[in-house]
Amino acid sequence: ARDGRLLGIVHLKDIVKGGIRERFAALRHMGIRTVMIT
């Protein structure tokens, strides 16, 4: 905001690490359940 006037939104994004999806798939294949805490 500038001088009390809303201008908009800045989009901040958490970048998911490369290859992490494949690693979770391997864990799932091993019978391990993955839980993300945030």
Full PDB file with SEQRES, HELIX, SHEET, SSBOND, CRYST1, ORIGX, SCALE, CONECT and MASTER records, all heavy atoms in Angstrom:
SEQRES   1 A   38  ALA ARG ASP GLY ARG LEU LEU GLY ILE VAL HIS LEU LYS          
SEQRES   2 A   38  ASP ILE VAL LYS GLY GLY ILE ARG GLU ARG PHE ALA ALA          
SEQRES   3 A   38  LEU ARG HIS MET GLY ILE ARG THR VAL MET ILE THR              
HELIX    1 AA1 ILE A   20  HIS A   29  1                                  10    
CRYST1    1.000    1.000    1.000  90.00  90.00  90.00 P 1           1          
ORIGX1      1.000000  0.000000  0.000000        0.00000                         
ORIGX2      0.000000  1.000000  0.000000        0.00000                         
ORIGX3      0.000000  0.000000  1.000000        0.00000                         
SCALE1      1.000000  0.000000  0.000000        0.00000                         
SCALE2      0.000000  1.000000  0.000000        0.00000                         
SCALE3      0.000000  0.000000  1.000000        0.00000                         
ATOM      1  N   ALA A   1       0.852  -1.202   0.000  1.00  0.00           N  
ATOM      2  CA  ALA A   1       0.000   0.000   0.000  1.00  0.00           C  
ATOM      3  C   ALA A   1       0.881   1.243   0.000  1.00  0.00           C  
ATOM      4  O   ALA A   1       1.992   1.234   0.543  1.00  0.00           O  
ATOM      5  CB  ALA A   1      -0.923   0.004   1.216  1.00  0.00           C  
ATOM      6  N   ARG A   2       0.368   2.296  -0.621  1.00  0.00           N  
ATOM      7  CA  ARG A   2       1.096   3.576  -0.641  1.00  0.00           C  
ATOM      8  C   ARG A   2       0.131   4.684  -0.214  1.00  0.00           C  
ATOM      9  O   ARG A   2      -0.912   4.875  -0.836  1.00  0.00           O  
ATOM     10  CB  ARG A   2       1.647   3.858  -2.033  1.00  0.00           C  
ATOM     11  CG  ARG A   2       2.498   5.124  -2.099  1.00  0.00           C  
ATOM     12  CD  ARG A   2       3.304   5.176  -3.379  1.00  0.00           C  
ATOM     13  NE  ARG A   2       4.343   6.190  -3.301  1.00  0.00           N  
ATOM     14  CZ  ARG A   2       5.441   6.189  -4.041  1.00  0.00           C  
ATOM     15  NH1 ARG A   2       5.661   5.207  -4.909  1.00  0.00           N  
ATOM     16  NH2 ARG A   2       6.334   7.151  -3.917  1.00  0.00           N  
ATOM     17  N   ASP A   3       0.503   5.371   0.858  1.00  0.00           N  
ATOM     18  CA  ASP A   3      -0.313   6.467   1.378  1.00  0.00           C  
ATOM     19  C   ASP A   3      -1.767   6.027   1.590  1.00  0.00           C  
ATOM     20  O   ASP A   3      -2.715   6.717   1.215  1.00  0.00           O  
ATOM     21  CB  ASP A   3      -0.261   7.670   0.436  1.00  0.00           C  
ATOM     22  CG  ASP A   3       1.147   8.249   0.335  1.00  0.00           C  
ATOM     23  OD1 ASP A   3       1.887   8.162   1.343  1.00  0.00           O  
ATOM     24  OD2 ASP A   3       1.501   8.756  -0.740  1.00  0.00           O  
ATOM     25  N   GLY A   4      -1.933   4.858   2.165  1.00  0.00           N  
ATOM     26  CA  GLY A   4      -3.273   4.371   2.485  1.00  0.00           C  
ATOM     27  C   GLY A   4      -4.022   3.780   1.327  1.00  0.00           C  
ATOM     28  O   GLY A   4      -5.164   3.343   1.483  1.00  0.00           O  
ATOM     29  N   ARG A   5      -3.414   3.712   0.150  1.00  0.00           N  
ATOM     30  CA  ARG A   5      -4.084   3.170  -1.036  1.00  0.00           C  
ATOM     31  C   ARG A   5      -3.499   1.800  -1.357  1.00  0.00           C  
ATOM     32  O   ARG A   5      -2.286   1.660  -1.557  1.00  0.00           O  
ATOM     33  CB  ARG A   5      -3.883   4.109  -2.223  1.00  0.00           C  
ATOM     34  CG  ARG A   5      -4.639   3.675  -3.483  1.00  0.00           C  
ATOM     35  CD  ARG A   5      -4.592   4.771  -4.529  1.00  0.00           C  
ATOM     36  NE  ARG A   5      -3.238   5.071  -4.918  1.00  0.00           N  
ATOM     37  CZ  ARG A   5      -2.740   4.927  -6.167  1.00  0.00           C  
ATOM     38  NH1 ARG A   5      -3.533   4.503  -7.126  1.00  0.00           N  
ATOM     39  NH2 ARG A   5      -1.497   5.244  -6.430  1.00  0.00           N  
ATOM     40  N   LEU A   6      -4.327   0.790  -1.361  1.00  0.00           N  
ATOM     41  CA  LEU A   6      -3.873  -0.562  -1.700  1.00  0.00           C  
ATOM     42  C   LEU A   6      -3.438  -0.613  -3.164  1.00  0.00           C  
ATOM     43  O   LEU A   6      -4.168  -0.139  -4.054  1.00  0.00           O  
ATOM     44  CB  LEU A   6      -4.994  -1.579  -1.462  1.00  0.00           C  
ATOM     45  CG  LEU A   6      -5.376  -1.829   0.006  1.00  0.00           C  
ATOM     46  CD1 LEU A   6      -6.645  -2.662   0.089  1.00  0.00           C  
ATOM     47  CD2 LEU A   6      -4.230  -2.529   0.737  1.00  0.00           C  
ATOM     48  N   LEU A   7      -2.261  -1.184  -3.404  1.00  0.00           N  
ATOM     49  CA  LEU A   7      -1.745  -1.276  -4.772  1.00  0.00           C  
ATOM     50  C   LEU A   7      -1.877  -2.686  -5.337  1.00  0.00           C  
ATOM     51  O   LEU A   7      -2.084  -2.860  -6.543  1.00  0.00           O  
ATOM     52  CB  LEU A   7      -0.279  -0.848  -4.811  1.00  0.00           C  
ATOM     53  CG  LEU A   7       0.022   0.584  -4.367  1.00  0.00           C  
ATOM     54  CD1 LEU A   7       1.518   0.860  -4.469  1.00  0.00           C  
ATOM     55  CD2 LEU A   7      -0.772   1.598  -5.194  1.00  0.00           C  
ATOM     56  N   GLY A   8      -1.721  -3.692  -4.487  1.00  0.00           N  
ATOM     57  CA  GLY A   8      -1.802  -5.058  -4.993  1.00  0.00           C  
ATOM     58  C   GLY A   8      -1.031  -6.041  -4.136  1.00  0.00           C  
ATOM     59  O   GLY A   8      -0.713  -5.778  -2.973  1.00  0.00           O  
ATOM     60  N   ILE A   9      -0.721  -7.147  -4.756  1.00  0.00           N  
ATOM     61  CA  ILE A   9      -0.098  -8.279  -4.056  1.00  0.00           C  
ATOM     62  C   ILE A   9       1.219  -8.651  -4.720  1.00  0.00           C  
ATOM     63  O   ILE A   9       1.325  -8.672  -5.953  1.00  0.00           O  
ATOM     64  CB  ILE A   9      -1.034  -9.509  -4.076  1.00  0.00           C  
ATOM     65  CG1 ILE A   9      -2.279  -9.260  -3.231  1.00  0.00           C  
ATOM     66  CG2 ILE A   9      -0.311 -10.768  -3.603  1.00  0.00           C  
ATOM     67  CD1 ILE A   9      -2.034  -9.203  -1.747  1.00  0.00           C  
ATOM     68  N   VAL A  10       2.229  -8.930  -3.891  1.00  0.00           N  
ATOM     69  CA  VAL A  10       3.456  -9.566  -4.372  1.00  0.00           C  
ATOM     70  C   VAL A  10       3.323 -11.051  -4.077  1.00  0.00           C  
ATOM     71  O   VAL A  10       3.083 -11.448  -2.928  1.00  0.00           O  
ATOM     72  CB  VAL A  10       4.708  -8.996  -3.674  1.00  0.00           C  
ATOM     73  CG1 VAL A  10       5.957  -9.712  -4.183  1.00  0.00           C  
ATOM     74  CG2 VAL A  10       4.817  -7.503  -3.900  1.00  0.00           C  
ATOM     75  N   HIS A  11       3.456 -11.866  -5.111  1.00  0.00           N  
ATOM     76  CA  HIS A  11       3.324 -13.321  -4.970  1.00  0.00           C  
ATOM     77  C   HIS A  11       4.682 -13.913  -4.566  1.00  0.00           C  
ATOM     78  O   HIS A  11       5.622 -13.927  -5.352  1.00  0.00           O  
ATOM     79  CB  HIS A  11       2.845 -13.916  -6.298  1.00  0.00           C  
ATOM     80  CG  HIS A  11       2.613 -15.401  -6.242  1.00  0.00           C  
ATOM     81  ND1 HIS A  11       2.142 -16.116  -7.317  1.00  0.00           N  
ATOM     82  CD2 HIS A  11       2.788 -16.312  -5.255  1.00  0.00           C  
ATOM     83  CE1 HIS A  11       2.040 -17.384  -6.984  1.00  0.00           C  
ATOM     84  NE2 HIS A  11       2.438 -17.521  -5.741  1.00  0.00           N  
ATOM     85  N   LEU A  12       4.759 -14.371  -3.318  1.00  0.00           N  
ATOM     86  CA  LEU A  12       5.955 -15.068  -2.831  1.00  0.00           C  
ATOM     87  C   LEU A  12       5.691 -16.566  -2.889  1.00  0.00           C  
ATOM     88  O   LEU A  12       4.635 -17.031  -2.450  1.00  0.00           O  
ATOM     89  CB  LEU A  12       6.280 -14.670  -1.386  1.00  0.00           C  
ATOM     90  CG  LEU A  12       6.567 -13.195  -1.119  1.00  0.00           C  
ATOM     91  CD1 LEU A  12       6.779 -12.971   0.371  1.00  0.00           C  
ATOM     92  CD2 LEU A  12       7.786 -12.729  -1.901  1.00  0.00           C  
ATOM     93  N   LYS A  13       6.650 -17.276  -3.409  1.00  0.00           N  
ATOM     94  CA  LYS A  13       6.410 -18.706  -3.584  1.00  0.00           C  
ATOM     95  C   LYS A  13       7.536 -19.528  -2.990  1.00  0.00           C  
ATOM     96  O   LYS A  13       8.715 -19.215  -3.156  1.00  0.00           O  
ATOM     97  CB  LYS A  13       6.263 -19.040  -5.076  1.00  0.00           C  
ATOM     98  CG  LYS A  13       5.910 -20.508  -5.322  1.00  0.00           C  
ATOM     99  CD  LYS A  13       5.618 -20.793  -6.782  1.00  0.00           C  
ATOM    100  CE  LYS A  13       5.227 -22.249  -6.972  1.00  0.00           C  
ATOM    101  NZ  LYS A  13       4.927 -22.590  -8.363  1.00  0.00           N  
ATOM    102  N   ASP A  14       7.138 -20.599  -2.288  1.00  0.00           N  
ATOM    103  CA  ASP A  14       8.098 -21.598  -1.829  1.00  0.00           C  
ATOM    104  C   ASP A  14       8.415 -22.498  -3.010  1.00  0.00           C  
ATOM    105  O   ASP A  14       7.511 -23.116  -3.593  1.00  0.00           O  
ATOM    106  CB  ASP A  14       7.510 -22.445  -0.700  1.00  0.00           C  
ATOM    107  CG  ASP A  14       7.461 -21.673   0.602  1.00  0.00           C  
ATOM    108  OD1 ASP A  14       8.417 -20.949   0.879  1.00  0.00           O  
ATOM    109  OD2 ASP A  14       6.464 -21.793   1.329  1.00  0.00           O  
ATOM    110  N   ILE A  15       9.693 -22.598  -3.352  1.00  0.00           N  
ATOM    111  CA  ILE A  15      10.096 -23.414  -4.497  1.00  0.00           C  
ATOM    112  C   ILE A  15      10.352 -24.839  -4.022  1.00  0.00           C  
ATOM    113  O   ILE A  15      11.233 -25.087  -3.187  1.00  0.00           O  
ATOM    114  CB  ILE A  15      11.368 -22.846  -5.160  1.00  0.00           C  
ATOM    115  CG1 ILE A  15      11.165 -21.351  -5.474  1.00  0.00           C  
ATOM    116  CG2 ILE A  15      11.708 -23.636  -6.407  1.00  0.00           C  
ATOM    117  CD1 ILE A  15      10.023 -21.066  -6.405  1.00  0.00           C  
ATOM    118  N   VAL A  16       9.561 -25.786  -4.521  1.00  0.00           N  
ATOM    119  CA  VAL A  16       9.739 -27.191  -4.155  1.00  0.00           C  
ATOM    120  C   VAL A  16      11.037 -27.706  -4.767  1.00  0.00           C  
ATOM    121  O   VAL A  16      11.338 -27.439  -5.936  1.00  0.00           O  
ATOM    122  CB  VAL A  16       8.541 -28.039  -4.642  1.00  0.00           C  
ATOM    123  CG1 VAL A  16       8.791 -29.523  -4.393  1.00  0.00           C  
ATOM    124  CG2 VAL A  16       7.268 -27.592  -3.939  1.00  0.00           C  
ATOM    125  N   LYS A  17      11.807 -28.410  -3.970  1.00  0.00           N  
ATOM    126  CA  LYS A  17      13.106 -28.897  -4.427  1.00  0.00           C  
ATOM    127  C   LYS A  17      12.954 -29.889  -5.570  1.00  0.00           C  
ATOM    128  O   LYS A  17      12.033 -30.723  -5.583  1.00  0.00           O  
ATOM    129  CB  LYS A  17      13.852 -29.571  -3.270  1.00  0.00           C  
ATOM    130  CG  LYS A  17      14.275 -28.598  -2.177  1.00  0.00           C  
ATOM    131  CD  LYS A  17      15.059 -29.302  -1.087  1.00  0.00           C  
ATOM    132  CE  LYS A  17      15.543 -28.302  -0.042  1.00  0.00           C  
ATOM    133  NZ  LYS A  17      16.299 -28.956   1.038  1.00  0.00           N  
ATOM    134  N   GLY A  18      13.872 -29.797  -6.504  1.00  0.00           N  
ATOM    135  CA  GLY A  18      13.860 -30.695  -7.644  1.00  0.00           C  
ATOM    136  C   GLY A  18      14.101 -32.137  -7.227  1.00  0.00           C  
ATOM    137  O   GLY A  18      14.979 -32.422  -6.409  1.00  0.00           O  
ATOM    138  N   GLY A  19      13.322 -33.060  -7.775  1.00  0.00           N  
ATOM    139  CA  GLY A  19      13.498 -34.485  -7.501  1.00  0.00           C  
ATOM    140  C   GLY A  19      12.862 -34.968  -6.214  1.00  0.00           C  
ATOM    141  O   GLY A  19      12.858 -36.164  -5.935  1.00  0.00           O  
ATOM    142  N   ILE A  20      12.287 -34.029  -5.414  1.00  0.00           N  
ATOM    143  CA  ILE A  20      11.735 -34.436  -4.121  1.00  0.00           C  
ATOM    144  C   ILE A  20      10.498 -35.304  -4.315  1.00  0.00           C  
ATOM    145  O   ILE A  20      10.242 -36.221  -3.532  1.00  0.00           O  
ATOM    146  CB  ILE A  20      11.403 -33.199  -3.256  1.00  0.00           C  
ATOM    147  CG1 ILE A  20      11.252 -33.604  -1.786  1.00  0.00           C  
ATOM    148  CG2 ILE A  20      10.153 -32.495  -3.747  1.00  0.00           C  
ATOM    149  CD1 ILE A  20      12.524 -33.867  -1.083  1.00  0.00           C  
ATOM    150  N   ARG A  21       9.733 -35.062  -5.372  1.00  0.00           N  
ATOM    151  CA  ARG A  21       8.522 -35.854  -5.622  1.00  0.00           C  
ATOM    152  C   ARG A  21       8.886 -37.313  -5.890  1.00  0.00           C  
ATOM    153  O   ARG A  21       8.222 -38.233  -5.400  1.00  0.00           O  
ATOM    154  CB  ARG A  21       7.751 -35.270  -6.806  1.00  0.00           C  
ATOM    155  CG  ARG A  21       6.381 -35.891  -7.004  1.00  0.00           C  
ATOM    156  CD  ARG A  21       5.639 -35.259  -8.171  1.00  0.00           C  
ATOM    157  NE  ARG A  21       4.285 -35.792  -8.279  1.00  0.00           N  
ATOM    158  CZ  ARG A  21       3.237 -35.282  -7.656  1.00  0.00           C  
ATOM    159  NH1 ARG A  21       3.385 -34.206  -6.906  1.00  0.00           N  
ATOM    160  NH2 ARG A  21       2.043 -35.821  -7.788  1.00  0.00           N  
ATOM    161  N   GLU A  22       9.965 -37.521  -6.661  1.00  0.00           N  
ATOM    162  CA  GLU A  22      10.404 -38.887  -6.956  1.00  0.00           C  
ATOM    163  C   GLU A  22      10.883 -39.597  -5.691  1.00  0.00           C  
ATOM    164  O   GLU A  22      10.683 -40.807  -5.522  1.00  0.00           O  
ATOM    165  CB  GLU A  22      11.515 -38.866  -8.003  1.00  0.00           C  
ATOM    166  CG  GLU A  22      11.076 -38.469  -9.411  1.00  0.00           C  
ATOM    167  CD  GLU A  22      10.756 -36.987  -9.549  1.00  0.00           C  
ATOM    168  OE1 GLU A  22      11.218 -36.201  -8.675  1.00  0.00           O  
ATOM    169  OE2 GLU A  22      10.074 -36.596 -10.505  1.00  0.00           O  
ATOM    170  N   ARG A  23      11.523 -38.852  -4.786  1.00  0.00           N  
ATOM    171  CA  ARG A  23      12.013 -39.451  -3.555  1.00  0.00           C  
ATOM    172  C   ARG A  23      10.852 -39.879  -2.659  1.00  0.00           C  
ATOM    173  O   ARG A  23      10.899 -40.935  -2.028  1.00  0.00           O  
ATOM    174  CB  ARG A  23      12.915 -38.470  -2.814  1.00  0.00           C  
ATOM    175  CG  ARG A  23      14.116 -38.015  -3.639  1.00  0.00           C  
ATOM    176  CD  ARG A  23      15.102 -37.222  -2.831  1.00  0.00           C  
ATOM    177  NE  ARG A  23      15.865 -38.097  -1.964  1.00  0.00           N  
ATOM    178  CZ  ARG A  23      16.789 -37.664  -1.110  1.00  0.00           C  
ATOM    179  NH1 ARG A  23      17.025 -36.383  -1.006  1.00  0.00           N  
ATOM    180  NH2 ARG A  23      17.448 -38.505  -0.361  1.00  0.00           N  
ATOM    181  N   PHE A  24       9.816 -39.066  -2.628  1.00  0.00           N  
ATOM    182  CA  PHE A  24       8.638 -39.438  -1.841  1.00  0.00           C  
ATOM    183  C   PHE A  24       7.941 -40.652  -2.458  1.00  0.00           C  
ATOM    184  O   PHE A  24       7.388 -41.488  -1.739  1.00  0.00           O  
ATOM    185  CB  PHE A  24       7.668 -38.265  -1.731  1.00  0.00           C  
ATOM    186  CG  PHE A  24       8.144 -37.172  -0.816  1.00  0.00           C  
ATOM    187  CD1 PHE A  24       7.914 -35.842  -1.104  1.00  0.00           C  
ATOM    188  CD2 PHE A  24       8.844 -37.477   0.348  1.00  0.00           C  
ATOM    189  CE1 PHE A  24       8.351 -34.840  -0.257  1.00  0.00           C  
ATOM    190  CE2 PHE A  24       9.297 -36.479   1.190  1.00  0.00           C  
ATOM    191  CZ  PHE A  24       9.052 -35.160   0.894  1.00  0.00           C  
ATOM    192  N   ALA A  25       7.957 -40.742  -3.776  1.00  0.00           N  
ATOM    193  CA  ALA A  25       7.360 -41.901  -4.443  1.00  0.00           C  
ATOM    194  C   ALA A  25       8.117 -43.176  -4.073  1.00  0.00           C  
ATOM    195  O   ALA A  25       7.511 -44.239  -3.859  1.00  0.00           O  
ATOM    196  CB  ALA A  25       7.367 -41.692  -5.959  1.00  0.00           C  
ATOM    197  N   ALA A  26       9.465 -43.071  -3.986  1.00  0.00           N  
ATOM    198  CA  ALA A  26      10.269 -44.228  -3.586  1.00  0.00           C  
ATOM    199  C   ALA A  26       9.950 -44.640  -2.152  1.00  0.00           C  
ATOM    200  O   ALA A  26       9.857 -45.833  -1.839  1.00  0.00           O  
ATOM    201  CB  ALA A  26      11.757 -43.899  -3.735  1.00  0.00           C  
ATOM    202  N   LEU A  27       9.789 -43.662  -1.268  1.00  0.00           N  
ATOM    203  CA  LEU A  27       9.427 -43.967   0.120  1.00  0.00           C  
ATOM    204  C   LEU A  27       8.054 -44.636   0.188  1.00  0.00           C  
ATOM    205  O   LEU A  27       7.839 -45.573   0.968  1.00  0.00           O  
ATOM    206  CB  LEU A  27       9.435 -42.693   0.953  1.00  0.00           C  
ATOM    207  CG  LEU A  27      10.812 -42.105   1.277  1.00  0.00           C  
ATOM    208  CD1 LEU A  27      10.671 -40.707   1.869  1.00  0.00           C  
ATOM    209  CD2 LEU A  27      11.570 -42.998   2.237  1.00  0.00           C  
ATOM    210  N   ARG A  28       7.134 -44.158  -0.620  1.00  0.00           N  
ATOM    211  CA  ARG A  28       5.800 -44.753  -0.645  1.00  0.00           C  
ATOM    212  C   ARG A  28       5.874 -46.198  -1.112  1.00  0.00           C  
ATOM    213  O   ARG A  28       5.167 -47.075  -0.593  1.00  0.00           O  
ATOM    214  CB  ARG A  28       4.892 -43.934  -1.559  1.00  0.00           C  
ATOM    215  CG  ARG A  28       3.422 -44.308  -1.476  1.00  0.00           C  
ATOM    216  CD  ARG A  28       2.557 -43.391  -2.358  1.00  0.00           C  
ATOM    217  NE  ARG A  28       2.718 -41.997  -1.967  1.00  0.00           N  
ATOM    218  CZ  ARG A  28       3.351 -41.085  -2.696  1.00  0.00           C  
ATOM    219  NH1 ARG A  28       3.894 -41.411  -3.862  1.00  0.00           N  
ATOM    220  NH2 ARG A  28       3.446 -39.838  -2.282  1.00  0.00           N  
ATOM    221  N   HIS A  29       6.755 -46.458  -2.066  1.00  0.00           N  
ATOM    222  CA  HIS A  29       6.942 -47.820  -2.568  1.00  0.00           C  
ATOM    223  C   HIS A  29       7.506 -48.728  -1.484  1.00  0.00           C  
ATOM    224  O   HIS A  29       7.263 -49.930  -1.477  1.00  0.00           O  
ATOM    225  CB  HIS A  29       7.884 -47.790  -3.780  1.00  0.00           C  
ATOM    226  CG  HIS A  29       7.985 -49.091  -4.504  1.00  0.00           C  
ATOM    227  ND1 HIS A  29       6.898 -49.709  -5.096  1.00  0.00           N  
ATOM    228  CD2 HIS A  29       9.044 -49.915  -4.731  1.00  0.00           C  
ATOM    229  CE1 HIS A  29       7.281 -50.839  -5.654  1.00  0.00           C  
ATOM    230  NE2 HIS A  29       8.577 -50.987  -5.444  1.00  0.00           N  
ATOM    231  N   MET A  30       8.250 -48.137  -0.541  1.00  0.00           N  
ATOM    232  CA  MET A  30       8.806 -48.885   0.587  1.00  0.00           C  
ATOM    233  C   MET A  30       7.790 -49.073   1.704  1.00  0.00           C  
ATOM    234  O   MET A  30       8.065 -49.731   2.710  1.00  0.00           O  
ATOM    235  CB  MET A  30      10.020 -48.136   1.163  1.00  0.00           C  
ATOM    236  CG  MET A  30      11.224 -48.112   0.239  1.00  0.00           C  
ATOM    237  SD  MET A  30      12.365 -46.746   0.631  1.00  0.00           S  
ATOM    238  CE  MET A  30      12.497 -46.871   2.400  1.00  0.00           C  
ATOM    239  N   GLY A  31       6.607 -48.476   1.554  1.00  0.00           N  
ATOM    240  CA  GLY A  31       5.588 -48.600   2.584  1.00  0.00           C  
ATOM    241  C   GLY A  31       5.666 -47.535   3.656  1.00  0.00           C  
ATOM    242  O   GLY A  31       5.074 -47.686   4.734  1.00  0.00           O  
ATOM    243  N   ILE A  32       6.380 -46.434   3.385  1.00  0.00           N  
ATOM    244  CA  ILE A  32       6.533 -45.347   4.360  1.00  0.00           C  
ATOM    245  C   ILE A  32       5.596 -44.196   4.001  1.00  0.00           C  
ATOM    246  O   ILE A  32       5.596 -43.719   2.872  1.00  0.00           O  
ATOM    247  CB  ILE A  32       7.992 -44.858   4.411  1.00  0.00           C  
ATOM    248  CG1 ILE A  32       8.911 -45.980   4.894  1.00  0.00           C  
ATOM    249  CG2 ILE A  32       8.124 -43.649   5.332  1.00  0.00           C  
ATOM    250  CD1 ILE A  32      10.378 -45.610   4.877  1.00  0.00           C  
ATOM    251  N   ARG A  33       4.812 -43.775   4.981  1.00  0.00           N  
ATOM    252  CA  ARG A  33       3.884 -42.657   4.794  1.00  0.00           C  
ATOM    253  C   ARG A  33       4.594 -41.357   5.138  1.00  0.00           C  
ATOM    254  O   ARG A  33       5.215 -41.234   6.188  1.00  0.00           O  
ATOM    255  CB  ARG A  33       2.671 -42.849   5.695  1.00  0.00           C  
ATOM    256  CG  ARG A  33       1.657 -41.722   5.686  1.00  0.00           C  
ATOM    257  CD  ARG A  33       0.405 -42.145   6.449  1.00  0.00           C  
ATOM    258  NE  ARG A  33      -0.501 -41.036   6.669  1.00  0.00           N  
ATOM    259  CZ  ARG A  33      -0.594 -40.361   7.808  1.00  0.00           C  
ATOM    260  NH1 ARG A  33       0.184 -40.697   8.831  1.00  0.00           N  
ATOM    261  NH2 ARG A  33      -1.446 -39.367   7.939  1.00  0.00           N  
ATOM    262  N   THR A  34       4.520 -40.376   4.242  1.00  0.00           N  
ATOM    263  CA  THR A  34       5.197 -39.095   4.447  1.00  0.00           C  
ATOM    264  C   THR A  34       4.181 -38.023   4.824  1.00  0.00           C  
ATOM    265  O   THR A  34       3.110 -37.922   4.216  1.00  0.00           O  
ATOM    266  CB  THR A  34       5.963 -38.660   3.180  1.00  0.00           C  
ATOM    267  OG1 THR A  34       5.080 -38.669   2.059  1.00  0.00           O  
ATOM    268  CG2 THR A  34       7.112 -39.609   2.907  1.00  0.00           C  
ATOM    269  N   VAL A  35       4.522 -37.235   5.834  1.00  0.00           N  
ATOM    270  CA  VAL A  35       3.648 -36.164   6.312  1.00  0.00           C  
ATOM    271  C   VAL A  35       4.447 -34.869   6.356  1.00  0.00           C  
ATOM    272  O   VAL A  35       5.498 -34.806   6.999  1.00  0.00           O  
ATOM    273  CB  VAL A  35       3.089 -36.473   7.711  1.00  0.00           C  
ATOM    274  CG1 VAL A  35       2.167 -35.348   8.178  1.00  0.00           C  
ATOM    275  CG2 VAL A  35       2.337 -37.808   7.718  1.00  0.00           C  
ATOM    276  N   MET A  36       3.967 -33.841   5.667  1.00  0.00           N  
ATOM    277  CA  MET A  36       4.610 -32.531   5.677  1.00  0.00           C  
ATOM    278  C   MET A  36       4.064 -31.709   6.840  1.00  0.00           C  
ATOM    279  O   MET A  36       2.848 -31.641   7.041  1.00  0.00           O  
ATOM    280  CB  MET A  36       4.345 -31.804   4.362  1.00  0.00           C  
ATOM    281  CG  MET A  36       4.992 -30.433   4.252  1.00  0.00           C  
ATOM    282  SD  MET A  36       4.506 -29.567   2.732  1.00  0.00           S  
ATOM    283  CE  MET A  36       2.859 -29.000   3.178  1.00  0.00           C  
ATOM    284  N   ILE A  37       4.955 -31.091   7.607  1.00  0.00           N  
ATOM    285  CA  ILE A  37       4.562 -30.249   8.730  1.00  0.00           C  
ATOM    286  C   ILE A  37       4.898 -28.803   8.388  1.00  0.00           C  
ATOM    287  O   ILE A  37       6.019 -28.501   7.963  1.00  0.00           O  
ATOM    288  CB  ILE A  37       5.295 -30.666  10.019  1.00  0.00           C  
ATOM    289  CG1 ILE A  37       4.961 -32.113  10.366  1.00  0.00           C  
ATOM    290  CG2 ILE A  37       4.928 -29.758  11.171  1.00  0.00           C  
ATOM    291  CD1 ILE A  37       5.700 -32.630  11.564  1.00  0.00           C  
ATOM    292  N   THR A  38       3.924 -27.912   8.563  1.00  0.00           N  
ATOM    293  CA  THR A  38       4.155 -26.516   8.206  1.00  0.00           C  
ATOM    294  C   THR A  38       3.303 -25.601   9.076  1.00  0.00           C  
ATOM    295  O   THR A  38       2.271 -26.011   9.616  1.00  0.00           O  
ATOM    296  CB  THR A  38       3.814 -26.264   6.715  1.00  0.00           C  
ATOM    297  OG1 THR A  38       3.973 -24.887   6.423  1.00  0.00           O  
ATOM    298  CG2 THR A  38       2.389 -26.679   6.400  1.00  0.00           C  
TER     299      THR A  38                                                      
MASTER        0    0    0    1    0    0    0    6  298    1    0    3          
END                                                                             
